[in-house]
């Protein structure tokens, strides 16, 4: 019997790569997306071509009603959720100095990047406990959880909060045989990083930003999720898995 994964923000970028990789490992997939229905249906078709069942479910994780519907439709279709991947996230529309940044952007990022996955995890964890599922929950955070960028403080704060959510849920759910993990990507080549490509090309290739001198790919993050999904880390919870080309460690 196939296991089921619910992946948020699954229509493009990192979420798309995670979904496709999980389907190749035998997971049925609930593909959450916010707006891009065409891209979501493309991912659904790829999952089905790999022989797995797929559900595309629209919803804004920042909305309580949408979160409840996403979980309800996933349970109705597949019966249970074995793996939750909290991937959906947004960047600031405008990179603004923290002395100038407005509340609207802050509220938007906190709602989608932090409040949404926090309360979605609450819903899914309850379902896992109800069905006695030894599930797994993954949060996709960012090196911005600890690396300060003063022109996008709202993003950094949302990711730092998400990192703490991992520890909180890991501590609470261990007794229920539910392991929780943080995957912390570095500079990953996606639509979100497209506008700053020239900047990071220079930092990576000329200014020694990372020991591994290349952009990360969405597939690099997906491989880390697959390791968790295939139960290769059964004695780890609350763990941070850095997928950042070595950015995280200090060098002299």
C-alpha atoms as a PDB file:
ATOM      1  CA  UNK A   1       0.000   0.000   0.000  1.00  0.00           C
ATOM      2  CA  UNK A   2       1.347   3.402  -0.982  1.00  0.00           C
ATOM      3  CA  UNK A   3       2.020   6.050   1.595  1.00  0.00           C
ATOM      4  CA  UNK A   4       0.699   9.575   1.162  1.00  0.00           C
ATOM      5  CA  UNK A   5       2.580  12.863   1.220  1.00  0.00           C
ATOM      6  CA  UNK A   6       1.042  16.309   1.459  1.00  0.00           C
ATOM      7  CA  UNK A   7       3.388  18.909  -0.017  1.00  0.00           C
ATOM      8  CA  UNK A   8       2.586  22.607   0.211  1.00  0.00           C
ATOM      9  CA  UNK A   9       3.711  24.984  -2.490  1.00  0.00           C
ATOM     10  CA  UNK A  10       4.140  21.969  -4.742  1.00  0.00           C
ATOM     11  CA  UNK A  11       3.449  23.453  -8.168  1.00  0.00           C
ATOM     12  CA  UNK A  12       6.905  24.888  -8.834  1.00  0.00           C
ATOM     13  CA  UNK A  13      10.487  25.177  -7.634  1.00  0.00           C
ATOM     14  CA  UNK A  14      11.530  23.172  -4.606  1.00  0.00           C
ATOM     15  CA  UNK A  15       8.009  21.880  -3.950  1.00  0.00           C
ATOM     16  CA  UNK A  16       7.682  20.530  -7.478  1.00  0.00           C
ATOM     17  CA  UNK A  17      11.022  18.716  -7.241  1.00  0.00           C
ATOM     18  CA  UNK A  18      10.087  17.224  -3.860  1.00  0.00           C
ATOM     19  CA  UNK A  19       6.740  15.980  -5.156  1.00  0.00           C
ATOM     20  CA  UNK A  20       8.214  14.331  -8.236  1.00  0.00           C
ATOM     21  CA  UNK A  21      10.976  12.688  -6.183  1.00  0.00           C
ATOM     22  CA  UNK A  22       8.493  11.320  -3.643  1.00  0.00           C
ATOM     23  CA  UNK A  23       6.287   9.906  -6.377  1.00  0.00           C
ATOM     24  CA  UNK A  24       9.295   8.036  -7.775  1.00  0.00           C
ATOM     25  CA  UNK A  25       9.715   6.483  -4.328  1.00  0.00           C
ATOM     26  CA  UNK A  26       6.137   5.207  -4.285  1.00  0.00           C
ATOM     27  CA  UNK A  27       4.293   8.020  -2.519  1.00  0.00           C
ATOM     28  CA  UNK A  28       0.842   9.188  -3.502  1.00  0.00           C
ATOM     29  CA  UNK A  29       0.916  12.972  -3.457  1.00  0.00           C
ATOM     30  CA  UNK A  30      -1.432  15.771  -2.440  1.00  0.00           C
ATOM     31  CA  UNK A  31      -0.168  18.751  -4.401  1.00  0.00           C
ATOM     32  CA  UNK A  32      -1.049  22.004  -2.700  1.00  0.00           C
ATOM     33  CA  UNK A  33      -0.777  25.223  -4.675  1.00  0.00           C
ATOM     34  CA  UNK A  34      -1.914  28.796  -4.146  1.00  0.00           C
ATOM     35  CA  UNK A  35      -2.526  30.233  -7.624  1.00  0.00           C
ATOM     36  CA  UNK A  36      -0.777  28.410 -10.465  1.00  0.00           C
ATOM     37  CA  UNK A  37      -3.347  25.783 -11.387  1.00  0.00           C
ATOM     38  CA  UNK A  38      -1.664  24.955 -14.714  1.00  0.00           C
ATOM     39  CA  UNK A  39       1.654  24.182 -13.040  1.00  0.00           C
ATOM     40  CA  UNK A  40      -0.093  22.139 -10.347  1.00  0.00           C
ATOM     41  CA  UNK A  41      -1.858  20.023 -12.945  1.00  0.00           C
ATOM     42  CA  UNK A  42       1.446  19.466 -14.731  1.00  0.00           C
ATOM     43  CA  UNK A  43       2.952  18.111 -11.513  1.00  0.00           C
ATOM     44  CA  UNK A  44      -0.167  15.971 -10.959  1.00  0.00           C
ATOM     45  CA  UNK A  45       0.261  14.448 -14.416  1.00  0.00           C
ATOM     46  CA  UNK A  46       3.925  13.646 -13.709  1.00  0.00           C
ATOM     47  CA  UNK A  47       3.001  11.917 -10.446  1.00  0.00           C
ATOM     48  CA  UNK A  48       0.333   9.858 -12.203  1.00  0.00           C
ATOM     49  CA  UNK A  49       2.744   8.937 -14.998  1.00  0.00           C
ATOM     50  CA  UNK A  50       5.022   7.458 -12.352  1.00  0.00           C
ATOM     51  CA  UNK A  51       2.199   5.151 -11.293  1.00  0.00           C
ATOM     52  CA  UNK A  52       1.064   6.989  -8.153  1.00  0.00           C
ATOM     53  CA  UNK A  53      -2.198   8.667  -7.264  1.00  0.00           C
ATOM     54  CA  UNK A  54      -2.283  12.447  -7.146  1.00  0.00           C
ATOM     55  CA  UNK A  55      -4.581  15.171  -5.891  1.00  0.00           C
ATOM     56  CA  UNK A  56      -4.125  18.844  -6.695  1.00  0.00           C
ATOM     57  CA  UNK A  57      -5.661  20.988  -3.967  1.00  0.00           C
ATOM     58  CA  UNK A  58      -5.730  24.762  -4.116  1.00  0.00           C
ATOM     59  CA  UNK A  59      -5.338  26.682  -0.909  1.00  0.00           C
ATOM     60  CA  UNK A  60      -3.504  29.468   0.880  1.00  0.00           C
ATOM     61  CA  UNK A  61      -1.760  27.974   3.907  1.00  0.00           C
ATOM     62  CA  UNK A  62      -2.130  31.331   5.621  1.00  0.00           C
ATOM     63  CA  UNK A  63      -5.921  30.848   5.669  1.00  0.00           C
ATOM     64  CA  UNK A  64      -7.485  28.764   8.438  1.00  0.00           C
ATOM     65  CA  UNK A  65     -10.387  27.687   6.222  1.00  0.00           C
ATOM     66  CA  UNK A  66      -8.037  26.700   3.399  1.00  0.00           C
ATOM     67  CA  UNK A  67      -5.803  24.690   5.726  1.00  0.00           C
ATOM     68  CA  UNK A  68      -8.766  22.729   7.034  1.00  0.00           C
ATOM     69  CA  UNK A  69      -9.990  22.047   3.498  1.00  0.00           C
ATOM     70  CA  UNK A  70      -6.535  20.972   2.289  1.00  0.00           C
ATOM     71  CA  UNK A  71      -6.280  18.392   5.068  1.00  0.00           C
ATOM     72  CA  UNK A  72      -9.899  17.264   4.699  1.00  0.00           C
ATOM     73  CA  UNK A  73      -9.616  16.705   0.935  1.00  0.00           C
ATOM     74  CA  UNK A  74      -6.315  14.856   1.362  1.00  0.00           C
ATOM     75  CA  UNK A  75      -7.785  12.527   4.000  1.00  0.00           C
ATOM     76  CA  UNK A  76     -10.944  11.961   1.961  1.00  0.00           C
ATOM     77  CA  UNK A  77      -8.872  10.996  -1.082  1.00  0.00           C
ATOM     78  CA  UNK A  78      -6.084   8.941   0.474  1.00  0.00           C
ATOM     79  CA  UNK A  79      -7.307   7.931   3.927  1.00  0.00           C
ATOM     80  CA  UNK A  80      -4.345   9.246   5.884  1.00  0.00           C
ATOM     81  CA  UNK A  81      -1.242  11.446   5.691  1.00  0.00           C
ATOM     82  CA  UNK A  82       2.118   9.756   6.259  1.00  0.00           C
ATOM     83  CA  UNK A  83       4.359  12.700   5.393  1.00  0.00           C
ATOM     84  CA  UNK A  84       3.800  16.436   5.560  1.00  0.00           C
ATOM     85  CA  UNK A  85       6.245  18.717   3.773  1.00  0.00           C
ATOM     86  CA  UNK A  86       5.808  22.351   4.790  1.00  0.00           C
ATOM     87  CA  UNK A  87       7.382  23.953   1.761  1.00  0.00           C
ATOM     88  CA  UNK A  88       5.120  26.865   0.774  1.00  0.00           C
ATOM     89  CA  UNK A  89       6.721  30.230   1.287  1.00  0.00           C
ATOM     90  CA  UNK A  90       6.865  33.731  -0.127  1.00  0.00           C
ATOM     91  CA  UNK A  91       9.518  36.422  -0.366  1.00  0.00           C
ATOM     92  CA  UNK A  92       9.004  40.152   0.146  1.00  0.00           C
ATOM     93  CA  UNK A  93       7.589  41.939  -2.873  1.00  0.00           C
ATOM     94  CA  UNK A  94      10.156  44.671  -2.250  1.00  0.00           C
ATOM     95  CA  UNK A  95      13.450  44.312  -0.390  1.00  0.00           C
ATOM     96  CA  UNK A  96      13.238  47.171   2.087  1.00  0.00           C
ATOM     97  CA  UNK A  97      15.604  48.284   4.828  1.00  0.00           C
ATOM     98  CA  UNK A  98      14.221  47.294   8.225  1.00  0.00           C
ATOM     99  CA  UNK A  99      13.984  50.981   9.150  1.00  0.00           C
ATOM    100  CA  UNK A 100      11.659  51.535   6.194  1.00  0.00           C
ATOM    101  CA  UNK A 101       9.810  48.216   5.807  1.00  0.00           C
ATOM    102  CA  UNK A 102       6.047  48.247   6.265  1.00  0.00           C
ATOM    103  CA  UNK A 103       3.616  46.125   8.219  1.00  0.00           C
ATOM    104  CA  UNK A 104       1.752  44.782   5.188  1.00  0.00           C
ATOM    105  CA  UNK A 105       4.765  42.852   3.955  1.00  0.00           C
ATOM    106  CA  UNK A 106       5.541  41.620   7.474  1.00  0.00           C
ATOM    107  CA  UNK A 107       1.986  40.373   7.983  1.00  0.00           C
ATOM    108  CA  UNK A 108       1.963  38.630   4.588  1.00  0.00           C
ATOM    109  CA  UNK A 109       5.237  36.789   5.198  1.00  0.00           C
ATOM    110  CA  UNK A 110       4.413  35.763   8.750  1.00  0.00           C
ATOM    111  CA  UNK A 111       1.000  34.498   7.656  1.00  0.00           C
ATOM    112  CA  UNK A 112       2.299  32.327   4.817  1.00  0.00           C
ATOM    113  CA  UNK A 113       5.763  31.361   6.013  1.00  0.00           C
ATOM    114  CA  UNK A 114       5.170  30.860   9.734  1.00  0.00           C
ATOM    115  CA  UNK A 115       1.550  30.876  10.901  1.00  0.00           C
ATOM    116  CA  UNK A 116       0.414  28.719   7.979  1.00  0.00           C
ATOM    117  CA  UNK A 117       2.811  25.795   8.461  1.00  0.00           C
ATOM    118  CA  UNK A 118       2.528  26.033  12.254  1.00  0.00           C
ATOM    119  CA  UNK A 119      -1.213  25.483  12.254  1.00  0.00           C
ATOM    120  CA  UNK A 120      -1.198  23.115   9.277  1.00  0.00           C
ATOM    121  CA  UNK A 121       1.228  20.924  11.189  1.00  0.00           C
ATOM    122  CA  UNK A 122      -1.124  21.038  14.169  1.00  0.00           C
ATOM    123  CA  UNK A 123      -3.980  19.749  11.995  1.00  0.00           C
ATOM    124  CA  UNK A 124      -1.920  17.039  10.315  1.00  0.00           C
ATOM    125  CA  UNK A 125      -0.330  15.875  13.567  1.00  0.00           C
ATOM    126  CA  UNK A 126      -3.785  15.377  15.069  1.00  0.00           C
ATOM    127  CA  UNK A 127      -4.755  13.252  12.070  1.00  0.00           C
ATOM    128  CA  UNK A 128      -1.559  11.197  12.344  1.00  0.00           C
ATOM    129  CA  UNK A 129      -2.258  10.537  16.015  1.00  0.00           C
ATOM    130  CA  UNK A 130      -5.899   9.676  15.266  1.00  0.00           C
ATOM    131  CA  UNK A 131      -4.900   7.109  12.623  1.00  0.00           C
ATOM    132  CA  UNK A 132      -1.940   5.853  14.674  1.00  0.00           C
ATOM    133  CA  UNK A 133       0.391   6.796  11.832  1.00  0.00           C
ATOM    134  CA  UNK A 134       4.123   6.800  12.544  1.00  0.00           C
ATOM    135  CA  UNK A 135       4.379   9.872  10.372  1.00  0.00           C
ATOM    136  CA  UNK A 136       7.052  12.331   9.419  1.00  0.00           C
ATOM    137  CA  UNK A 137       6.869  16.101   9.202  1.00  0.00           C
ATOM    138  CA  UNK A 138       9.379  18.226   7.298  1.00  0.00           C
ATOM    139  CA  UNK A 139       9.777  21.997   7.419  1.00  0.00           C
ATOM    140  CA  UNK A 140      11.667  23.639   4.563  1.00  0.00           C
ATOM    141  CA  UNK A 141      13.295  26.698   6.125  1.00  0.00           C
ATOM    142  CA  UNK A 142      16.314  28.667   4.854  1.00  0.00           C
ATOM    143  CA  UNK A 143      19.773  29.833   5.806  1.00  0.00           C
ATOM    144  CA  UNK A 144      17.877  33.064   6.486  1.00  0.00           C
ATOM    145  CA  UNK A 145      16.777  31.426   9.742  1.00  0.00           C
ATOM    146  CA  UNK A 146      20.164  32.548  11.103  1.00  0.00           C
ATOM    147  CA  UNK A 147      21.854  34.734   8.451  1.00  0.00           C
ATOM    148  CA  UNK A 148      20.689  38.335   8.867  1.00  0.00           C
ATOM    149  CA  UNK A 149      19.613  40.234   5.745  1.00  0.00           C
ATOM    150  CA  UNK A 150      18.637  43.735   6.835  1.00  0.00           C
ATOM    151  CA  UNK A 151      16.765  44.404   3.594  1.00  0.00           C
ATOM    152  CA  UNK A 152      14.363  41.510   4.158  1.00  0.00           C
ATOM    153  CA  UNK A 153      13.998  41.238   7.892  1.00  0.00           C
ATOM    154  CA  UNK A 154      10.428  39.960   7.637  1.00  0.00           C
ATOM    155  CA  UNK A 155      11.609  36.925   5.664  1.00  0.00           C
ATOM    156  CA  UNK A 156      14.423  36.174   8.116  1.00  0.00           C
ATOM    157  CA  UNK A 157      12.115  36.409  11.120  1.00  0.00           C
ATOM    158  CA  UNK A 158       9.541  34.123   9.501  1.00  0.00           C
ATOM    159  CA  UNK A 159      12.182  31.467   8.834  1.00  0.00           C
ATOM    160  CA  UNK A 160      13.754  31.784  12.284  1.00  0.00           C
ATOM    161  CA  UNK A 161      10.332  31.237  13.816  1.00  0.00           C
ATOM    162  CA  UNK A 162       9.781  28.212  11.615  1.00  0.00           C
ATOM    163  CA  UNK A 163      13.073  26.740  12.825  1.00  0.00           C
ATOM    164  CA  UNK A 164      11.802  26.947  16.403  1.00  0.00           C
ATOM    165  CA  UNK A 165       8.510  25.341  15.347  1.00  0.00           C
ATOM    166  CA  UNK A 166      10.511  22.283  14.287  1.00  0.00           C
ATOM    167  CA  UNK A 167      11.923  21.876  17.787  1.00  0.00           C
ATOM    168  CA  UNK A 168       8.547  22.421  19.421  1.00  0.00           C
ATOM    169  CA  UNK A 169       6.723  19.856  17.313  1.00  0.00           C
ATOM    170  CA  UNK A 170       9.619  17.394  17.526  1.00  0.00           C
ATOM    171  CA  UNK A 171       9.508  17.542  21.319  1.00  0.00           C
ATOM    172  CA  UNK A 172       5.725  17.226  21.464  1.00  0.00           C
ATOM    173  CA  UNK A 173       5.279  14.455  18.886  1.00  0.00           C
ATOM    174  CA  UNK A 174       8.170  12.088  19.608  1.00  0.00           C
ATOM    175  CA  UNK A 175       6.038  10.057  22.026  1.00  0.00           C
ATOM    176  CA  UNK A 176       3.512   9.574  19.217  1.00  0.00           C
ATOM    177  CA  UNK A 177       6.181   8.122  16.877  1.00  0.00           C
ATOM    178  CA  UNK A 178       6.122  11.203  14.663  1.00  0.00           C
ATOM    179  CA  UNK A 179       9.546  12.559  13.734  1.00  0.00           C
ATOM    180  CA  UNK A 180      10.021  16.169  12.717  1.00  0.00           C
ATOM    181  CA  UNK A 181      12.852  17.567  10.622  1.00  0.00           C
ATOM    182  CA  UNK A 182      14.157  20.892   9.357  1.00  0.00           C
ATOM    183  CA  UNK A 183      15.720  21.074   5.928  1.00  0.00           C
ATOM    184  CA  UNK A 184      17.610  24.338   5.563  1.00  0.00           C
ATOM    185  CA  UNK A 185      18.350  25.210   1.919  1.00  0.00           C
ATOM    186  CA  UNK A 186      20.979  27.717   0.918  1.00  0.00           C
ATOM    187  CA  UNK A 187      21.135  29.528  -2.418  1.00  0.00           C
ATOM    188  CA  UNK A 188      18.771  27.478  -4.579  1.00  0.00           C
ATOM    189  CA  UNK A 189      18.069  28.228  -8.238  1.00  0.00           C
ATOM    190  CA  UNK A 190      14.312  28.908  -8.365  1.00  0.00           C
ATOM    191  CA  UNK A 191      11.876  31.567  -9.533  1.00  0.00           C
ATOM    192  CA  UNK A 192      12.250  33.255  -6.146  1.00  0.00           C
ATOM    193  CA  UNK A 193      15.999  33.764  -6.544  1.00  0.00           C
ATOM    194  CA  UNK A 194      15.810  34.702 -10.224  1.00  0.00           C
ATOM    195  CA  UNK A 195      15.829  38.491  -9.600  1.00  0.00           C
ATOM    196  CA  UNK A 196      19.101  38.254  -7.628  1.00  0.00           C
ATOM    197  CA  UNK A 197      20.898  35.761  -9.865  1.00  0.00           C
ATOM    198  CA  UNK A 198      23.715  38.116 -10.883  1.00  0.00           C
ATOM    199  CA  UNK A 199      24.433  38.993  -7.245  1.00  0.00           C
ATOM    200  CA  UNK A 200      24.716  35.380  -6.156  1.00  0.00           C
ATOM    201  CA  UNK A 201      26.629  34.308  -9.259  1.00  0.00           C
ATOM    202  CA  UNK A 202      29.342  36.718  -8.154  1.00  0.00           C
ATOM    203  CA  UNK A 203      29.192  35.664  -4.480  1.00  0.00           C
ATOM    204  CA  UNK A 204      29.390  31.966  -5.317  1.00  0.00           C
ATOM    205  CA  UNK A 205      31.927  31.969  -8.118  1.00  0.00           C
ATOM    206  CA  UNK A 206      34.122  34.954  -7.294  1.00  0.00           C
ATOM    207  CA  UNK A 207      33.758  35.716  -3.598  1.00  0.00           C
ATOM    208  CA  UNK A 208      33.880  32.238  -2.077  1.00  0.00           C
ATOM    209  CA  UNK A 209      30.406  32.312  -0.493  1.00  0.00           C
ATOM    210  CA  UNK A 210      30.169  28.505  -0.373  1.00  0.00           C
ATOM    211  CA  UNK A 211      32.799  25.747  -0.413  1.00  0.00           C
ATOM    212  CA  UNK A 212      30.809  23.927  -3.099  1.00  0.00           C
ATOM    213  CA  UNK A 213      30.921  26.499  -5.866  1.00  0.00           C
ATOM    214  CA  UNK A 214      27.581  26.154  -7.568  1.00  0.00           C
ATOM    215  CA  UNK A 215      23.959  27.080  -7.139  1.00  0.00           C
ATOM    216  CA  UNK A 216      21.836  24.548  -5.318  1.00  0.00           C
ATOM    217  CA  UNK A 217      19.129  22.829  -7.335  1.00  0.00           C
ATOM    218  CA  UNK A 218      15.591  22.039  -6.175  1.00  0.00           C
ATOM    219  CA  UNK A 219      16.524  18.394  -6.653  1.00  0.00           C
ATOM    220  CA  UNK A 220      19.226  18.750  -3.979  1.00  0.00           C
ATOM    221  CA  UNK A 221      16.541  19.632  -1.447  1.00  0.00           C
ATOM    222  CA  UNK A 222      14.271  16.887  -2.758  1.00  0.00           C
ATOM    223  CA  UNK A 223      16.938  14.252  -2.099  1.00  0.00           C
ATOM    224  CA  UNK A 224      17.075  15.248   1.559  1.00  0.00           C
ATOM    225  CA  UNK A 225      13.298  14.895   1.821  1.00  0.00           C
ATOM    226  CA  UNK A 226      13.478  11.471   0.174  1.00  0.00           C
ATOM    227  CA  UNK A 227      16.018  10.292   2.758  1.00  0.00           C
ATOM    228  CA  UNK A 228      13.515  11.188   5.470  1.00  0.00           C
ATOM    229  CA  UNK A 229      10.574   9.714   3.572  1.00  0.00           C
ATOM    230  CA  UNK A 230      12.398   6.414   3.095  1.00  0.00           C
ATOM    231  CA  UNK A 231      12.988   6.213   6.857  1.00  0.00           C
ATOM    232  CA  UNK A 232      16.768   6.523   6.611  1.00  0.00           C
ATOM    233  CA  UNK A 233      16.890   8.788   9.685  1.00  0.00           C
ATOM    234  CA  UNK A 234      14.694   6.881  12.176  1.00  0.00           C
ATOM    235  CA  UNK A 235      16.650   7.883  15.295  1.00  0.00           C
ATOM    236  CA  UNK A 236      16.681  11.607  14.501  1.00  0.00           C
ATOM    237  CA  UNK A 237      14.078  14.230  15.285  1.00  0.00           C
ATOM    238  CA  UNK A 238      14.320  17.988  15.585  1.00  0.00           C
ATOM    239  CA  UNK A 239      17.311  17.620  13.290  1.00  0.00           C
ATOM    240  CA  UNK A 240      18.568  20.377  10.978  1.00  0.00           C
ATOM    241  CA  UNK A 241      19.714  19.144   7.585  1.00  0.00           C
ATOM    242  CA  UNK A 242      21.728  21.810   5.780  1.00  0.00           C
ATOM    243  CA  UNK A 243      21.452  21.749   1.988  1.00  0.00           C
ATOM    244  CA  UNK A 244      23.575  24.803   1.325  1.00  0.00           C
ATOM    245  CA  UNK A 245      26.879  23.878  -0.299  1.00  0.00           C
ATOM    246  CA  UNK A 246      28.641  24.258   3.058  1.00  0.00           C
ATOM    247  CA  UNK A 247      27.527  27.851   3.653  1.00  0.00           C
ATOM    248  CA  UNK A 248      26.622  27.192   7.281  1.00  0.00           C
ATOM    249  CA  UNK A 249      30.052  26.451   8.734  1.00  0.00           C
ATOM    250  CA  UNK A 250      32.646  29.086   9.588  1.00  0.00           C
ATOM    251  CA  UNK A 251      35.925  29.206   7.715  1.00  0.00           C
ATOM    252  CA  UNK A 252      39.187  31.089   8.204  1.00  0.00           C
END
